[in-house]
Amino acid sequence: MLNEINVLELNEKLNLNKSLILLDVRESYELNICKIDNSVHIPMADIPKRINQLNKNEEIIILCRSGVRSKRVYQFLYNQGFTKIKNLKGGILEWIRLVNPLLKSY
């Protein structure tokens, strides 16, 4: 089962200063194009060797460009016992479209 959150729900949580980890699993060159402030960057390929940097007790929202890679990371973390995780539906492209059109799309 995939637990998802849409960009408008995420924006509301961020505006309310809800405690969460925004995990960006895109590559470094993608972050140079655009990123959401205060996100934590761990490229998808590095997640298995850096999983100890993530706290199972914190809410983690996983994002990528469009939602494909973040779904894979979601499944991996879920299989490792993470239960407070959500996939950002539509990724940063949806964020740009509905929340912050000033960010550069790619």
C-alpha atoms as a PDB file:
ATOM      1  CA  MET A   1       0.000   0.000   0.000  1.00  0.00           C
ATOM      2  CA  LEU A   2       1.292   3.426  -0.971  1.00  0.00           C
ATOM      3  CA  ASN A   3       0.581   6.302   1.395  1.00  0.00           C
ATOM      4  CA  GLU A   4       0.626   9.588  -0.544  1.00  0.00           C
ATOM      5  CA  ILE A   5       0.261  13.282   0.121  1.00  0.00           C
ATOM      6  CA  ASN A   6      -0.492  15.917  -2.499  1.00  0.00           C
ATOM      7  CA  VAL A   7       1.452  19.157  -2.876  1.00  0.00           C
ATOM      8  CA  LEU A   8      -1.323  21.325  -1.433  1.00  0.00           C
ATOM      9  CA  GLU A   9      -1.478  19.172   1.713  1.00  0.00           C
ATOM     10  CA  LEU A  10       2.314  19.325   2.020  1.00  0.00           C
ATOM     11  CA  ASN A  11       2.328  23.098   1.592  1.00  0.00           C
ATOM     12  CA  GLU A  12      -0.268  23.409   4.359  1.00  0.00           C
ATOM     13  CA  LYS A  13       1.830  21.235   6.689  1.00  0.00           C
ATOM     14  CA  LEU A  14       4.945  23.289   5.948  1.00  0.00           C
ATOM     15  CA  ASN A  15       3.060  26.556   6.521  1.00  0.00           C
ATOM     16  CA  LEU A  16       1.893  25.228   9.897  1.00  0.00           C
ATOM     17  CA  ASN A  17       5.507  24.357  10.773  1.00  0.00           C
ATOM     18  CA  LYS A  18       4.580  20.706  11.222  1.00  0.00           C
ATOM     19  CA  SER A  19       7.586  18.626  12.177  1.00  0.00           C
ATOM     20  CA  LEU A  20       8.547  16.492   9.215  1.00  0.00           C
ATOM     21  CA  ILE A  21      11.481  15.474   7.066  1.00  0.00           C
ATOM     22  CA  LEU A  22      11.181  16.368   3.389  1.00  0.00           C
ATOM     23  CA  LEU A  23      13.427  13.777   1.735  1.00  0.00           C
ATOM     24  CA  ASP A  24      14.513  14.733  -1.797  1.00  0.00           C
ATOM     25  CA  VAL A  25      15.828  11.648  -3.607  1.00  0.00           C
ATOM     26  CA  ARG A  26      16.773  13.380  -6.875  1.00  0.00           C
ATOM     27  CA  GLU A  27      20.329  13.688  -8.159  1.00  0.00           C
ATOM     28  CA  SER A  28      22.544  16.637  -7.166  1.00  0.00           C
ATOM     29  CA  TYR A  29      22.367  18.249 -10.607  1.00  0.00           C
ATOM     30  CA  GLU A  30      18.568  18.334 -10.276  1.00  0.00           C
ATOM     31  CA  LEU A  31      18.807  20.227  -6.989  1.00  0.00           C
ATOM     32  CA  ASN A  32      20.878  22.846  -8.789  1.00  0.00           C
ATOM     33  CA  ILE A  33      17.849  23.498 -11.026  1.00  0.00           C
ATOM     34  CA  CYS A  34      15.259  23.760  -8.255  1.00  0.00           C
ATOM     35  CA  LYS A  35      14.484  22.511  -4.763  1.00  0.00           C
ATOM     36  CA  ILE A  36      12.036  22.957  -1.926  1.00  0.00           C
ATOM     37  CA  ASP A  37      13.535  24.861   1.002  1.00  0.00           C
ATOM     38  CA  ASN A  38      14.655  22.845   4.033  1.00  0.00           C
ATOM     39  CA  SER A  39      14.542  19.513   2.236  1.00  0.00           C
ATOM     40  CA  VAL A  40      17.065  16.796   3.061  1.00  0.00           C
ATOM     41  CA  HIS A  41      18.920  15.490   0.025  1.00  0.00           C
ATOM     42  CA  ILE A  42      19.862  11.822  -0.272  1.00  0.00           C
ATOM     43  CA  PRO A  43      19.966  10.556  -3.871  1.00  0.00           C
ATOM     44  CA  MET A  44      17.889   7.421  -4.444  1.00  0.00           C
ATOM     45  CA  ALA A  45      20.960   5.231  -5.065  1.00  0.00           C
ATOM     46  CA  ASP A  46      22.457   6.319  -1.710  1.00  0.00           C
ATOM     47  CA  ILE A  47      19.389   5.530   0.434  1.00  0.00           C
ATOM     48  CA  PRO A  48      20.435   1.941   1.371  1.00  0.00           C
ATOM     49  CA  LYS A  49      23.873   3.011   2.648  1.00  0.00           C
ATOM     50  CA  ARG A  50      22.579   6.183   4.337  1.00  0.00           C
ATOM     51  CA  ILE A  51      19.367   4.790   5.846  1.00  0.00           C
ATOM     52  CA  ASN A  52      20.823   5.286   9.343  1.00  0.00           C
ATOM     53  CA  GLN A  53      20.531   9.058   8.754  1.00  0.00           C
ATOM     54  CA  LEU A  54      16.735   8.707   8.744  1.00  0.00           C
ATOM     55  CA  ASN A  55      14.636   8.447  11.894  1.00  0.00           C
ATOM     56  CA  LYS A  56      11.769   5.925  11.847  1.00  0.00           C
ATOM     57  CA  ASN A  57       9.927   8.007  14.462  1.00  0.00           C
ATOM     58  CA  GLU A  58       9.706  11.138  12.301  1.00  0.00           C
ATOM     59  CA  GLU A  59       7.218  11.781   9.526  1.00  0.00           C
ATOM     60  CA  ILE A  60       9.081  11.571   6.210  1.00  0.00           C
ATOM     61  CA  ILE A  61       7.701  12.928   2.937  1.00  0.00           C
ATOM     62  CA  ILE A  62       9.651  11.542  -0.039  1.00  0.00           C
ATOM     63  CA  LEU A  63       9.901  13.517  -3.260  1.00  0.00           C
ATOM     64  CA  CYS A  64      11.575  13.343  -6.639  1.00  0.00           C
ATOM     65  CA  ARG A  65      10.902  14.968 -10.013  1.00  0.00           C
ATOM     66  CA  SER A  66       7.545  13.359 -10.831  1.00  0.00           C
ATOM     67  CA  GLY A  67       6.893  10.721  -8.174  1.00  0.00           C
ATOM     68  CA  VAL A  68       8.412   7.611  -9.777  1.00  0.00           C
ATOM     69  CA  ARG A  69      11.714   7.388  -7.874  1.00  0.00           C
ATOM     70  CA  SER A  70      10.087   8.486  -4.630  1.00  0.00           C
ATOM     71  CA  LYS A  71       7.630   5.558  -4.908  1.00  0.00           C
ATOM     72  CA  ARG A  72      10.590   3.167  -5.145  1.00  0.00           C
ATOM     73  CA  VAL A  73      12.250   4.758  -2.107  1.00  0.00           C
ATOM     74  CA  TYR A  74       8.918   4.648  -0.264  1.00  0.00           C
ATOM     75  CA  GLN A  75       8.660   0.892  -0.895  1.00  0.00           C
ATOM     76  CA  PHE A  76      12.261   0.333   0.186  1.00  0.00           C
ATOM     77  CA  LEU A  77      11.831   2.303   3.433  1.00  0.00           C
ATOM     78  CA  TYR A  78       8.488   0.629   4.116  1.00  0.00           C
ATOM     79  CA  ASN A  79      10.185  -2.771   3.773  1.00  0.00           C
ATOM     80  CA  GLN A  80      12.818  -1.580   6.284  1.00  0.00           C
ATOM     81  CA  GLY A  81      10.143  -0.878   8.900  1.00  0.00           C
ATOM     82  CA  PHE A  82       9.460   2.812   8.268  1.00  0.00           C
ATOM     83  CA  THR A  83       5.753   3.480   8.868  1.00  0.00           C
ATOM     84  CA  LYS A  84       5.551   7.297   9.059  1.00  0.00           C
ATOM     85  CA  ILE A  85       6.365   7.823   5.380  1.00  0.00           C
ATOM     86  CA  LYS A  86       4.448   9.369   2.494  1.00  0.00           C
ATOM     87  CA  ASN A  87       5.141   9.784  -1.190  1.00  0.00           C
ATOM     88  CA  LEU A  88       4.705  13.285  -2.641  1.00  0.00           C
ATOM     89  CA  LYS A  89       2.240  12.729  -5.472  1.00  0.00           C
ATOM     90  CA  GLY A  90       3.458  14.368  -8.687  1.00  0.00           C
ATOM     91  CA  GLY A  91       6.840  15.308  -7.219  1.00  0.00           C
ATOM     92  CA  ILE A  92       8.495  18.680  -7.574  1.00  0.00           C
ATOM     93  CA  LEU A  93       6.900  19.213 -10.999  1.00  0.00           C
ATOM     94  CA  GLU A  94       3.473  19.221  -9.348  1.00  0.00           C
ATOM     95  CA  TRP A  95       4.855  21.478  -6.587  1.00  0.00           C
ATOM     96  CA  ILE A  96       5.982  23.974  -9.231  1.00  0.00           C
ATOM     97  CA  ARG A  97       2.647  23.755 -11.066  1.00  0.00           C
ATOM     98  CA  LEU A  98       0.379  24.257  -8.037  1.00  0.00           C
ATOM     99  CA  VAL A  99       2.442  25.825  -5.224  1.00  0.00           C
ATOM    100  CA  ASN A 100       5.520  27.723  -6.446  1.00  0.00           C
ATOM    101  CA  PRO A 101       5.537  28.516 -10.178  1.00  0.00           C
ATOM    102  CA  LEU A 102       8.606  30.727  -9.655  1.00  0.00           C
ATOM    103  CA  LEU A 103      10.791  27.633  -9.380  1.00  0.00           C
ATOM    104  CA  LYS A 104      12.464  26.533 -12.587  1.00  0.00           C
ATOM    105  CA  SER A 105      10.873  23.462 -14.139  1.00  0.00           C
ATOM    106  CA  TYR A 106      12.822  20.840 -16.072  1.00  0.00           C
END
